[in-house]
Structures are given as structure tokens and as C-alpha cells.
Amino acid sequence: FSLVENEQLQTDIFKMQKQMQQDIKQMYPNIMLTEQDILNTKDDVSIAYFCFPLKIEEETLMEVVFLFLVENQWVVGTFHCPDTQKRDWKDIVKQMLLSIQLKVC
């Protein structure tokens, strides 16, 4: 996970998701998003995520970027696996994201 502190990014989760997608498309202009959603955990944590295939050298990866807000700071994380295994990992990644619990001390 990475904490992102930037006043420009202190906005709602939908806008932040769109901003992250634009930033990634600037780095990788040819990517196509394959899935995006905003999940809500049982503790009412909203988690935005989106997926895209990313070609690195000879291999294509399924890249998942996710983010959520903790005490006015965005937490940004990524997950990736070989694109050939995306069917196996797709539901597992969603379950992992839905299991996030925040305990701020």
C-alpha cells in the first residue's frame, strides 16, 4: 500500500478512481480497462478498483489498481498476476478487497 497526500486528490472516490485511470493511461496510452467498480465492505469502507492487461517484455499481466480513503489520505495498492490466470484470481481479488478492515489508532 502507498499513502498519497495531495490536496488535489482530496475528493470523492469516484473522481479519484477516474484520476488514477487517467494517470495510468498517460503512462500506458494503449491500455484498455477491462473492469472497474466501487465495492463497499461490511464496515462501510468504499474501495474503488479497476483492471487492465499490461504487457511487460514477453508476458501480459492482469493489473488491478485499488484505492480507499483512511483519515483523509488515499491508500493506493496494486495486485497483478499472469493474464492467463486472471479467471482464477478475479473473484479472489474482490474477496481480498472486501476483507479490508480499518482500525485507526
PDB file of N, CA and C in Angstrom:
ATOM      1  N   PHE A   1       0.833  -1.182   0.000  1.00  0.00           N
ATOM      2  CA  PHE A   1       0.000   0.000   0.000  1.00  0.00           C
ATOM      3  C   PHE A   1       0.875   1.242   0.000  1.00  0.00           C
ATOM      4  N   SER A   2       0.358   2.309  -0.567  1.00  0.00           N
ATOM      5  CA  SER A   2       1.036   3.601  -0.545  1.00  0.00           C
ATOM      6  C   SER A   2       0.028   4.656  -0.136  1.00  0.00           C
ATOM      7  N   LEU A   3       0.438   5.559   0.740  1.00  0.00           N
ATOM      8  CA  LEU A   3      -0.411   6.687   1.095  1.00  0.00           C
ATOM      9  C   LEU A   3      -0.109   7.824   0.140  1.00  0.00           C
ATOM     10  N   VAL A   4      -1.151   8.448  -0.381  1.00  0.00           N
ATOM     11  CA  VAL A   4      -0.988   9.547  -1.316  1.00  0.00           C
ATOM     12  C   VAL A   4      -1.514  10.812  -0.660  1.00  0.00           C
ATOM     13  N   GLU A   5      -0.614  11.764  -0.404  1.00  0.00           N
ATOM     14  CA  GLU A   5      -1.023  13.041   0.157  1.00  0.00           C
ATOM     15  C   GLU A   5      -0.929  14.092  -0.927  1.00  0.00           C
ATOM     16  N   ASN A   6      -2.057  14.621  -1.299  1.00  0.00           N
ATOM     17  CA  ASN A   6      -2.081  15.653  -2.315  1.00  0.00           C
ATOM     18  C   ASN A   6      -3.433  16.332  -2.224  1.00  0.00           C
ATOM     19  N   GLU A   7      -3.432  17.628  -1.994  1.00  0.00           N
ATOM     20  CA  GLU A   7      -4.695  18.327  -1.816  1.00  0.00           C
ATOM     21  C   GLU A   7      -5.604  18.206  -3.026  1.00  0.00           C
ATOM     22  N   GLN A   8      -5.023  18.110  -4.218  1.00  0.00           N
ATOM     23  CA  GLN A   8      -5.838  17.963  -5.415  1.00  0.00           C
ATOM     24  C   GLN A   8      -6.640  16.660  -5.371  1.00  0.00           C
ATOM     25  N   LEU A   9      -6.123  15.661  -4.678  1.00  0.00           N
ATOM     26  CA  LEU A   9      -6.759  14.355  -4.692  1.00  0.00           C
ATOM     27  C   LEU A   9      -7.769  14.168  -3.570  1.00  0.00           C
ATOM     28  N   GLN A  10      -7.949  15.157  -2.718  1.00  0.00           N
ATOM     29  CA  GLN A  10      -8.905  15.036  -1.630  1.00  0.00           C
ATOM     30  C   GLN A  10     -10.313  15.275  -2.175  1.00  0.00           C
ATOM     31  N   THR A  11     -10.858  14.292  -2.774  1.00  0.00           N
ATOM     32  CA  THR A  11     -12.146  14.378  -3.436  1.00  0.00           C
ATOM     33  C   THR A  11     -12.879  13.057  -3.231  1.00  0.00           C
ATOM     34  N   ASP A  12     -14.009  12.879  -3.872  1.00  0.00           N
ATOM     35  CA  ASP A  12     -14.731  11.624  -3.666  1.00  0.00           C
ATOM     36  C   ASP A  12     -14.055  10.478  -4.410  1.00  0.00           C
ATOM     37  N   ILE A  13     -14.420   9.272  -4.022  1.00  0.00           N
ATOM     38  CA  ILE A  13     -13.727   8.078  -4.509  1.00  0.00           C
ATOM     39  C   ILE A  13     -13.928   7.869  -6.013  1.00  0.00           C
ATOM     40  N   PHE A  14     -15.092   8.233  -6.532  1.00  0.00           N
ATOM     41  CA  PHE A  14     -15.338   8.080  -7.968  1.00  0.00           C
ATOM     42  C   PHE A  14     -14.400   8.980  -8.765  1.00  0.00           C
ATOM     43  N   LYS A  15     -14.248  10.226  -8.331  1.00  0.00           N
ATOM     44  CA  LYS A  15     -13.346  11.154  -9.023  1.00  0.00           C
ATOM     45  C   LYS A  15     -11.896  10.702  -8.901  1.00  0.00           C
ATOM     46  N   MET A  16     -11.530  10.177  -7.742  1.00  0.00           N
ATOM     47  CA  MET A  16     -10.167   9.701  -7.544  1.00  0.00           C
ATOM     48  C   MET A  16      -9.877   8.505  -8.444  1.00  0.00           C
ATOM     49  N   GLN A  17     -10.851   7.604  -8.569  1.00  0.00           N
ATOM     50  CA  GLN A  17     -10.702   6.452  -9.449  1.00  0.00           C
ATOM     51  C   GLN A  17     -10.464   6.920 -10.888  1.00  0.00           C
ATOM     52  N   LYS A  18     -11.242   7.875 -11.349  1.00  0.00           N
ATOM     53  CA  LYS A  18     -11.091   8.407 -12.705  1.00  0.00           C
ATOM     54  C   LYS A  18      -9.730   9.072 -12.891  1.00  0.00           C
ATOM     55  N   GLN A  19      -9.274   9.811 -11.863  1.00  0.00           N
ATOM     56  CA  GLN A  19      -7.972  10.469 -11.948  1.00  0.00           C
ATOM     57  C   GLN A  19      -6.847   9.445 -12.046  1.00  0.00           C
ATOM     58  N   MET A  20      -6.911   8.383 -11.253  1.00  0.00           N
ATOM     59  CA  MET A  20      -5.897   7.334 -11.303  1.00  0.00           C
ATOM     60  C   MET A  20      -5.893   6.661 -12.677  1.00  0.00           C
ATOM     61  N   GLN A  21      -7.078   6.424 -13.233  1.00  0.00           N
ATOM     62  CA  GLN A  21      -7.162   5.812 -14.561  1.00  0.00           C
ATOM     63  C   GLN A  21      -6.512   6.717 -15.607  1.00  0.00           C
ATOM     64  N   GLN A  22      -6.765   8.017 -15.531  1.00  0.00           N
ATOM     65  CA  GLN A  22      -6.157   8.958 -16.475  1.00  0.00           C
ATOM     66  C   GLN A  22      -4.642   8.972 -16.337  1.00  0.00           C
ATOM     67  N   ASP A  23      -4.159   8.960 -15.086  1.00  0.00           N
ATOM     68  CA  ASP A  23      -2.711   8.956 -14.851  1.00  0.00           C
ATOM     69  C   ASP A  23      -2.063   7.718 -15.462  1.00  0.00           C
ATOM     70  N   ILE A  24      -2.696   6.572 -15.290  1.00  0.00           N
ATOM     71  CA  ILE A  24      -2.142   5.326 -15.829  1.00  0.00           C
ATOM     72  C   ILE A  24      -2.205   5.331 -17.352  1.00  0.00           C
ATOM     73  N   LYS A  25      -3.283   5.863 -17.914  1.00  0.00           N
ATOM     74  CA  LYS A  25      -3.393   5.925 -19.372  1.00  0.00           C
ATOM     75  C   LYS A  25      -2.346   6.869 -19.973  1.00  0.00           C
ATOM     76  N   GLN A  26      -1.910   7.860 -19.203  1.00  0.00           N
ATOM     77  CA  GLN A  26      -0.822   8.718 -19.691  1.00  0.00           C
ATOM     78  C   GLN A  26       0.493   7.940 -19.735  1.00  0.00           C
ATOM     79  N   MET A  27       0.706   7.070 -18.746  1.00  0.00           N
ATOM     80  CA  MET A  27       1.928   6.255 -18.740  1.00  0.00           C
ATOM     81  C   MET A  27       1.878   5.142 -19.772  1.00  0.00           C
ATOM     82  N   TYR A  28       0.689   4.545 -19.952  1.00  0.00           N
ATOM     83  CA  TYR A  28       0.496   3.422 -20.877  1.00  0.00           C
ATOM     84  C   TYR A  28      -0.678   3.751 -21.802  1.00  0.00           C
ATOM     85  N   PRO A  29      -0.456   4.543 -22.852  1.00  0.00           N
ATOM     86  CA  PRO A  29      -1.563   5.031 -23.688  1.00  0.00           C
ATOM     87  C   PRO A  29      -2.389   3.941 -24.361  1.00  0.00           C
ATOM     88  N   ASN A  30      -1.843   2.753 -24.546  1.00  0.00           N
ATOM     89  CA  ASN A  30      -2.548   1.709 -25.285  1.00  0.00           C
ATOM     90  C   ASN A  30      -3.370   0.768 -24.420  1.00  0.00           C
ATOM     91  N   ILE A  31      -3.403   0.973 -23.104  1.00  0.00           N
ATOM     92  CA  ILE A  31      -4.148   0.025 -22.270  1.00  0.00           C
ATOM     93  C   ILE A  31      -5.648   0.226 -22.424  1.00  0.00           C
ATOM     94  N   MET A  32      -6.358  -0.851 -22.202  1.00  0.00           N
ATOM     95  CA  MET A  32      -7.820  -0.827 -22.214  1.00  0.00           C
ATOM     96  C   MET A  32      -8.303  -1.384 -20.878  1.00  0.00           C
ATOM     97  N   LEU A  33      -9.111  -0.624 -20.163  1.00  0.00           N
ATOM     98  CA  LEU A  33      -9.660  -1.109 -18.905  1.00  0.00           C
ATOM     99  C   LEU A  33     -10.618  -2.254 -19.188  1.00  0.00           C
ATOM    100  N   THR A  34     -10.493  -3.320 -18.405  1.00  0.00           N
ATOM    101  CA  THR A  34     -11.368  -4.471 -18.609  1.00  0.00           C
ATOM    102  C   THR A  34     -12.471  -4.542 -17.563  1.00  0.00           C
ATOM    103  N   GLU A  35     -12.261  -3.877 -16.443  1.00  0.00           N
ATOM    104  CA  GLU A  35     -13.264  -3.909 -15.377  1.00  0.00           C
ATOM    105  C   GLU A  35     -12.994  -2.762 -14.429  1.00  0.00           C
ATOM    106  N   GLN A  36     -14.061  -2.221 -13.849  1.00  0.00           N
ATOM    107  CA  GLN A  36     -13.929  -1.212 -12.813  1.00  0.00           C
ATOM    108  C   GLN A  36     -15.183  -1.238 -11.955  1.00  0.00           C
ATOM    109  N   ASP A  37     -15.015  -0.911 -10.681  1.00  0.00           N
ATOM    110  CA  ASP A  37     -16.158  -0.933  -9.775  1.00  0.00           C
ATOM    111  C   ASP A  37     -15.765  -0.229  -8.489  1.00  0.00           C
ATOM    112  N   ILE A  38     -16.758   0.040  -7.675  1.00  0.00           N
ATOM    113  CA  ILE A  38     -16.543   0.537  -6.323  1.00  0.00           C
ATOM    114  C   ILE A  38     -17.265  -0.433  -5.396  1.00  0.00           C
ATOM    115  N   LEU A  39     -16.486  -1.078  -4.534  1.00  0.00           N
ATOM    116  CA  LEU A  39     -17.013  -2.060  -3.587  1.00  0.00           C
ATOM    117  C   LEU A  39     -17.214  -1.388  -2.235  1.00  0.00           C
ATOM    118  N   ASN A  40     -18.146  -1.903  -1.454  1.00  0.00           N
ATOM    119  CA  ASN A  40     -18.346  -1.425  -0.092  1.00  0.00           C
ATOM    120  C   ASN A  40     -18.247  -2.610   0.850  1.00  0.00           C
ATOM    121  N   THR A  41     -17.310  -2.513   1.815  1.00  0.00           N
ATOM    122  CA  THR A  41     -17.130  -3.594   2.772  1.00  0.00           C
ATOM    123  C   THR A  41     -18.252  -3.572   3.790  1.00  0.00           C
ATOM    124  N   LYS A  42     -18.313  -4.608   4.619  1.00  0.00           N
ATOM    125  CA  LYS A  42     -19.347  -4.657   5.658  1.00  0.00           C
ATOM    126  C   LYS A  42     -19.156  -3.550   6.698  1.00  0.00           C
ATOM    127  N   ASP A  43     -17.934  -2.976   6.776  1.00  0.00           N
ATOM    128  CA  ASP A  43     -17.658  -1.855   7.680  1.00  0.00           C
ATOM    129  C   ASP A  43     -17.810  -0.506   6.976  1.00  0.00           C
ATOM    130  N   ASP A  44     -18.461  -0.494   5.820  1.00  0.00           N
ATOM    131  CA  ASP A  44     -18.702   0.721   5.027  1.00  0.00           C
ATOM    132  C   ASP A  44     -17.440   1.410   4.539  1.00  0.00           C
ATOM    133  N   VAL A  45     -16.428   0.636   4.214  1.00  0.00           N
ATOM    134  CA  VAL A  45     -15.244   1.179   3.561  1.00  0.00           C
ATOM    135  C   VAL A  45     -15.483   1.061   2.056  1.00  0.00           C
ATOM    136  N   SER A  46     -15.410   2.189   1.346  1.00  0.00           N
ATOM    137  CA  SER A  46     -15.558   2.180  -0.109  1.00  0.00           C
ATOM    138  C   SER A  46     -14.190   1.955  -0.731  1.00  0.00           C
ATOM    139  N   ILE A  47     -14.119   0.969  -1.615  1.00  0.00           N
ATOM    140  CA  ILE A  47     -12.865   0.622  -2.273  1.00  0.00           C
ATOM    141  C   ILE A  47     -13.100   0.622  -3.778  1.00  0.00           C
ATOM    142  N   ALA A  48     -12.420   1.526  -4.458  1.00  0.00           N
ATOM    143  CA  ALA A  48     -12.514   1.591  -5.911  1.00  0.00           C
ATOM    144  C   ALA A  48     -11.408   0.715  -6.491  1.00  0.00           C
ATOM    145  N   TYR A  49     -11.700   0.061  -7.590  1.00  0.00           N
ATOM    146  CA  TYR A  49     -10.664  -0.710  -8.267  1.00  0.00           C
ATOM    147  C   TYR A  49     -10.922  -0.694  -9.765  1.00  0.00           C
ATOM    148  N   PHE A  50      -9.877  -0.962 -10.506  1.00  0.00           N
ATOM    149  CA  PHE A  50     -10.005  -1.151 -11.937  1.00  0.00           C
ATOM    150  C   PHE A  50      -8.897  -2.084 -12.401  1.00  0.00           C
ATOM    151  N   CYS A  51      -9.145  -2.761 -13.522  1.00  0.00           N
ATOM    152  CA  CYS A  51      -8.226  -3.777 -14.042  1.00  0.00           C
ATOM    153  C   CYS A  51      -7.883  -3.464 -15.494  1.00  0.00           C
ATOM    154  N   PHE A  52      -6.692  -3.889 -15.869  1.00  0.00           N
ATOM    155  CA  PHE A  52      -6.277  -3.761 -17.257  1.00  0.00           C
ATOM    156  C   PHE A  52      -5.135  -4.738 -17.521  1.00  0.00           C
ATOM    157  N   PRO A  53      -5.023  -5.224 -18.766  1.00  0.00           N
ATOM    158  CA  PRO A  53      -3.876  -6.065 -19.115  1.00  0.00           C
ATOM    159  C   PRO A  53      -2.672  -5.157 -19.368  1.00  0.00           C
ATOM    160  N   LEU A  54      -1.512  -5.598 -18.901  1.00  0.00           N
ATOM    161  CA  LEU A  54      -0.286  -4.817 -19.049  1.00  0.00           C
ATOM    162  C   LEU A  54       0.804  -5.721 -19.594  1.00  0.00           C
ATOM    163  N   LYS A  55       1.314  -5.387 -20.756  1.00  0.00           N
ATOM    164  CA  LYS A  55       2.370  -6.196 -21.385  1.00  0.00           C
ATOM    165  C   LYS A  55       3.717  -5.734 -20.857  1.00  0.00           C
ATOM    166  N   ILE A  56       4.464  -6.678 -20.268  1.00  0.00           N
ATOM    167  CA  ILE A  56       5.809  -6.417 -19.765  1.00  0.00           C
ATOM    168  C   ILE A  56       6.727  -7.450 -20.401  1.00  0.00           C
ATOM    169  N   GLU A  57       7.627  -6.950 -21.225  1.00  0.00           N
ATOM    170  CA  GLU A  57       8.517  -7.801 -22.004  1.00  0.00           C
ATOM    171  C   GLU A  57       7.692  -8.822 -22.781  1.00  0.00           C
ATOM    172  N   GLU A  58       7.860 -10.097 -22.496  1.00  0.00           N
ATOM    173  CA  GLU A  58       7.169 -11.143 -23.255  1.00  0.00           C
ATOM    174  C   GLU A  58       5.881 -11.622 -22.602  1.00  0.00           C
ATOM    175  N   GLU A  59       5.549 -11.070 -21.451  1.00  0.00           N
ATOM    176  CA  GLU A  59       4.397 -11.565 -20.701  1.00  0.00           C
ATOM    177  C   GLU A  59       3.341 -10.481 -20.543  1.00  0.00           C
ATOM    178  N   THR A  60       2.084 -10.895 -20.513  1.00  0.00           N
ATOM    179  CA  THR A  60       0.982  -9.977 -20.233  1.00  0.00           C
ATOM    180  C   THR A  60       0.464 -10.286 -18.838  1.00  0.00           C
ATOM    181  N   LEU A  61       0.340  -9.225 -18.032  1.00  0.00           N
ATOM    182  CA  LEU A  61      -0.165  -9.349 -16.667  1.00  0.00           C
ATOM    183  C   LEU A  61      -1.552  -8.756 -16.572  1.00  0.00           C
ATOM    184  N   MET A  62      -2.346  -9.280 -15.650  1.00  0.00           N
ATOM    185  CA  MET A  62      -3.572  -8.607 -15.265  1.00  0.00           C
ATOM    186  C   MET A  62      -3.190  -7.705 -14.103  1.00  0.00           C
ATOM    187  N   GLU A  63      -3.373  -6.418 -14.271  1.00  0.00           N
ATOM    188  CA  GLU A  63      -3.026  -5.438 -13.254  1.00  0.00           C
ATOM    189  C   GLU A  63      -4.314  -4.918 -12.625  1.00  0.00           C
ATOM    190  N   VAL A  64      -4.374  -4.941 -11.295  1.00  0.00           N
ATOM    191  CA  VAL A  64      -5.511  -4.417 -10.559  1.00  0.00           C
ATOM    192  C   VAL A  64      -4.992  -3.275  -9.700  1.00  0.00           C
ATOM    193  N   VAL A  65      -5.599  -2.101  -9.841  1.00  0.00           N
ATOM    194  CA  VAL A  65      -5.271  -0.948  -9.010  1.00  0.00           C
ATOM    195  C   VAL A  65      -6.484  -0.699  -8.125  1.00  0.00           C
ATOM    196  N   PHE A  66      -6.238  -0.529  -6.821  1.00  0.00           N
ATOM    197  CA  PHE A  66      -7.349  -0.254  -5.916  1.00  0.00           C
ATOM    198  C   PHE A  66      -6.979   0.875  -4.975  1.00  0.00           C
ATOM    199  N   LEU A  67      -8.004   1.535  -4.451  1.00  0.00           N
ATOM    200  CA  LEU A  67      -7.767   2.665  -3.558  1.00  0.00           C
ATOM    201  C   LEU A  67      -8.937   2.843  -2.608  1.00  0.00           C
ATOM    202  N   PHE A  68      -8.594   3.380  -1.444  1.00  0.00           N
ATOM    203  CA  PHE A  68      -9.608   3.719  -0.455  1.00  0.00           C
ATOM    204  C   PHE A  68      -9.061   4.823   0.431  1.00  0.00           C
ATOM    205  N   LEU A  69      -9.939   5.451   1.177  1.00  0.00           N
ATOM    206  CA  LEU A  69      -9.584   6.616   1.976  1.00  0.00           C
ATOM    207  C   LEU A  69      -9.453   6.236   3.447  1.00  0.00           C
ATOM    208  N   VAL A  70      -8.353   6.673   4.077  1.00  0.00           N
ATOM    209  CA  VAL A  70      -8.129   6.464   5.510  1.00  0.00           C
ATOM    210  C   VAL A  70      -7.691   7.802   6.094  1.00  0.00           C
ATOM    211  N   GLU A  71      -8.496   8.343   6.966  1.00  0.00           N
ATOM    212  CA  GLU A  71      -8.190   9.617   7.631  1.00  0.00           C
ATOM    213  C   GLU A  71      -7.666  10.667   6.667  1.00  0.00           C
ATOM    214  N   ASN A  72      -8.432  10.937   5.619  1.00  0.00           N
ATOM    215  CA  ASN A  72      -8.119  11.971   4.624  1.00  0.00           C
ATOM    216  C   ASN A  72      -6.857  11.703   3.823  1.00  0.00           C
ATOM    217  N   GLN A  73      -6.419  10.468   3.757  1.00  0.00           N
ATOM    218  CA  GLN A  73      -5.309  10.085   2.908  1.00  0.00           C
ATOM    219  C   GLN A  73      -5.749   8.895   2.066  1.00  0.00           C
ATOM    220  N   TRP A  74      -5.400   8.943   0.792  1.00  0.00           N
ATOM    221  CA  TRP A  74      -5.733   7.838  -0.094  1.00  0.00           C
ATOM    222  C   TRP A  74      -4.707   6.731   0.050  1.00  0.00           C
ATOM    223  N   VAL A  75      -5.182   5.524   0.207  1.00  0.00           N
ATOM    224  CA  VAL A  75      -4.329   4.339   0.203  1.00  0.00           C
ATOM    225  C   VAL A  75      -4.481   3.715  -1.179  1.00  0.00           C
ATOM    226  N   VAL A  76      -3.357   3.543  -1.859  1.00  0.00           N
ATOM    227  CA  VAL A  76      -3.372   3.003  -3.208  1.00  0.00           C
ATOM    228  C   VAL A  76      -2.554   1.708  -3.211  1.00  0.00           C
ATOM    229  N   GLY A  77      -3.124   0.676  -3.781  1.00  0.00           N
ATOM    230  CA  GLY A  77      -2.419  -0.598  -3.867  1.00  0.00           C
ATOM    231  C   GLY A  77      -2.600  -1.216  -5.243  1.00  0.00           C
ATOM    232  N   THR A  78      -1.760  -2.197  -5.523  1.00  0.00           N
ATOM    233  CA  THR A  78      -1.871  -2.913  -6.791  1.00  0.00           C
ATOM    234  C   THR A  78      -1.756  -4.412  -6.540  1.00  0.00           C
ATOM    235  N   PHE A  79      -2.289  -5.147  -7.453  1.00  0.00           N
ATOM    236  CA  PHE A  79      -2.185  -6.599  -7.467  1.00  0.00           C
ATOM    237  C   PHE A  79      -1.988  -6.978  -8.920  1.00  0.00           C
ATOM    238  N   HIS A  80      -1.151  -7.956  -9.159  1.00  0.00           N
ATOM    239  CA  HIS A  80      -1.041  -8.448 -10.529  1.00  0.00           C
ATOM    240  C   HIS A  80      -0.772  -9.948 -10.531  1.00  0.00           C
ATOM    241  N   CYS A  81      -1.171 -10.545 -11.650  1.00  0.00           N
ATOM    242  CA  CYS A  81      -0.937 -11.968 -11.875  1.00  0.00           C
ATOM    243  C   CYS A  81      -0.822 -12.170 -13.381  1.00  0.00           C
ATOM    244  N   PRO A  82      -0.311 -13.308 -13.819  1.00  0.00           N
ATOM    245  CA  PRO A  82      -0.279 -13.565 -15.261  1.00  0.00           C
ATOM    246  C   PRO A  82      -1.695 -13.484 -15.842  1.00  0.00           C
ATOM    247  N   ASP A  83      -1.812 -12.862 -16.986  1.00  0.00           N
ATOM    248  CA  ASP A  83      -3.127 -12.700 -17.610  1.00  0.00           C
ATOM    249  C   ASP A  83      -3.796 -14.043 -17.867  1.00  0.00           C
ATOM    250  N   THR A  84      -2.999 -15.080 -18.054  1.00  0.00           N
ATOM    251  CA  THR A  84      -3.555 -16.411 -18.286  1.00  0.00           C
ATOM    252  C   THR A  84      -4.256 -16.962 -17.041  1.00  0.00           C
ATOM    253  N   GLN A  85      -3.977 -16.370 -15.861  1.00  0.00           N
ATOM    254  CA  GLN A  85      -4.589 -16.826 -14.611  1.00  0.00           C
ATOM    255  C   GLN A  85      -5.662 -15.876 -14.104  1.00  0.00           C
ATOM    256  N   LYS A  86      -6.036 -14.865 -14.879  1.00  0.00           N
ATOM    257  CA  LYS A  86      -6.972 -13.849 -14.394  1.00  0.00           C
ATOM    258  C   LYS A  86      -8.325 -14.439 -13.990  1.00  0.00           C
ATOM    259  N   ARG A  87      -8.766 -15.453 -14.689  1.00  0.00           N
ATOM    260  CA  ARG A  87     -10.056 -16.071 -14.341  1.00  0.00           C
ATOM    261  C   ARG A  87     -10.002 -16.670 -12.931  1.00  0.00           C
ATOM    262  N   ASP A  88      -8.863 -17.269 -12.574  1.00  0.00           N
ATOM    263  CA  ASP A  88      -8.700 -17.862 -11.246  1.00  0.00           C
ATOM    264  C   ASP A  88      -8.638 -16.795 -10.157  1.00  0.00           C
ATOM    265  N   TRP A  89      -8.022 -15.657 -10.449  1.00  0.00           N
ATOM    266  CA  TRP A  89      -7.765 -14.632  -9.440  1.00  0.00           C
ATOM    267  C   TRP A  89      -8.844 -13.562  -9.315  1.00  0.00           C
ATOM    268  N   LYS A  90      -9.667 -13.412 -10.317  1.00  0.00           N
ATOM    269  CA  LYS A  90     -10.641 -12.318 -10.351  1.00  0.00           C
ATOM    270  C   LYS A  90     -11.517 -12.264  -9.090  1.00  0.00           C
ATOM    271  N   ASP A  91     -12.151 -13.345  -8.738  1.00  0.00           N
ATOM    272  CA  ASP A  91     -13.015 -13.366  -7.554  1.00  0.00           C
ATOM    273  C   ASP A  91     -12.215 -13.306  -6.255  1.00  0.00           C
ATOM    274  N   ILE A  92     -11.037 -13.905  -6.256  1.00  0.00           N
ATOM    275  CA  ILE A  92     -10.194 -13.881  -5.053  1.00  0.00           C
ATOM    276  C   ILE A  92      -9.780 -12.448  -4.730  1.00  0.00           C
ATOM    277  N   VAL A  93      -9.426 -11.682  -5.740  1.00  0.00           N
ATOM    278  CA  VAL A  93      -9.032 -10.288  -5.527  1.00  0.00           C
ATOM    279  C   VAL A  93     -10.202  -9.502  -4.938  1.00  0.00           C
ATOM    280  N   LYS A  94     -11.394  -9.670  -5.465  1.00  0.00           N
ATOM    281  CA  LYS A  94     -12.572  -8.980  -4.910  1.00  0.00           C
ATOM    282  C   LYS A  94     -12.794  -9.365  -3.455  1.00  0.00           C
ATOM    283  N   GLN A  95     -12.668 -10.658  -3.139  1.00  0.00           N
ATOM    284  CA  GLN A  95     -12.842 -11.107  -1.755  1.00  0.00           C
ATOM    285  C   GLN A  95     -11.775 -10.498  -0.849  1.00  0.00           C
ATOM    286  N   MET A  96     -10.541 -10.410  -1.349  1.00  0.00           N
ATOM    287  CA  MET A  96      -9.470  -9.794  -0.555  1.00  0.00           C
ATOM    288  C   MET A  96      -9.785  -8.331  -0.281  1.00  0.00           C
ATOM    289  N   LEU A  97     -10.237  -7.610  -1.295  1.00  0.00           N
ATOM    290  CA  LEU A  97     -10.569  -6.200  -1.109  1.00  0.00           C
ATOM    291  C   LEU A  97     -11.723  -6.016  -0.140  1.00  0.00           C
ATOM    292  N   LEU A  98     -12.721  -6.872  -0.240  1.00  0.00           N
ATOM    293  CA  LEU A  98     -13.870  -6.773   0.666  1.00  0.00           C
ATOM    294  C   LEU A  98     -13.521  -7.154   2.103  1.00  0.00           C
ATOM    295  N   SER A  99     -12.398  -7.812   2.297  1.00  0.00           N
ATOM    296  CA  SER A  99     -11.991  -8.204   3.659  1.00  0.00           C
ATOM    297  C   SER A  99     -11.193  -7.101   4.372  1.00  0.00           C
ATOM    298  N   ILE A 100     -10.892  -6.006   3.683  1.00  0.00           N
ATOM    299  CA  ILE A 100     -10.120  -4.919   4.320  1.00  0.00           C
ATOM    300  C   ILE A 100     -10.917  -4.331   5.463  1.00  0.00           C
ATOM    301  N   GLN A 101     -10.268  -4.244   6.598  1.00  0.00           N
ATOM    302  CA  GLN A 101     -10.864  -3.631   7.783  1.00  0.00           C
ATOM    303  C   GLN A 101      -9.932  -2.535   8.259  1.00  0.00           C
ATOM    304  N   LEU A 102     -10.502  -1.400   8.618  1.00  0.00           N
ATOM    305  CA  LEU A 102      -9.688  -0.278   9.068  1.00  0.00           C
ATOM    306  C   LEU A 102      -9.770  -0.151  10.577  1.00  0.00           C
ATOM    307  N   LYS A 103      -8.617  -0.157  11.200  1.00  0.00           N
ATOM    308  CA  LYS A 103      -8.526   0.087  12.641  1.00  0.00           C
ATOM    309  C   LYS A 103      -7.471   1.165  12.801  1.00  0.00           C
ATOM    310  N   VAL A 104      -7.917   2.374  12.950  1.00  0.00           N
ATOM    311  CA  VAL A 104      -7.013   3.504  13.049  1.00  0.00           C
ATOM    312  C   VAL A 104      -6.731   3.761  14.531  1.00  0.00           C
ATOM    313  N   CYS A 105      -5.467   3.827  14.879  1.00  0.00           N
ATOM    314  CA  CYS A 105      -5.062   4.042  16.264  1.00  0.00           C
ATOM    315  C   CYS A 105      -4.763   5.501  16.532  1.00  0.00           C
TER     316      CYS A 105
END
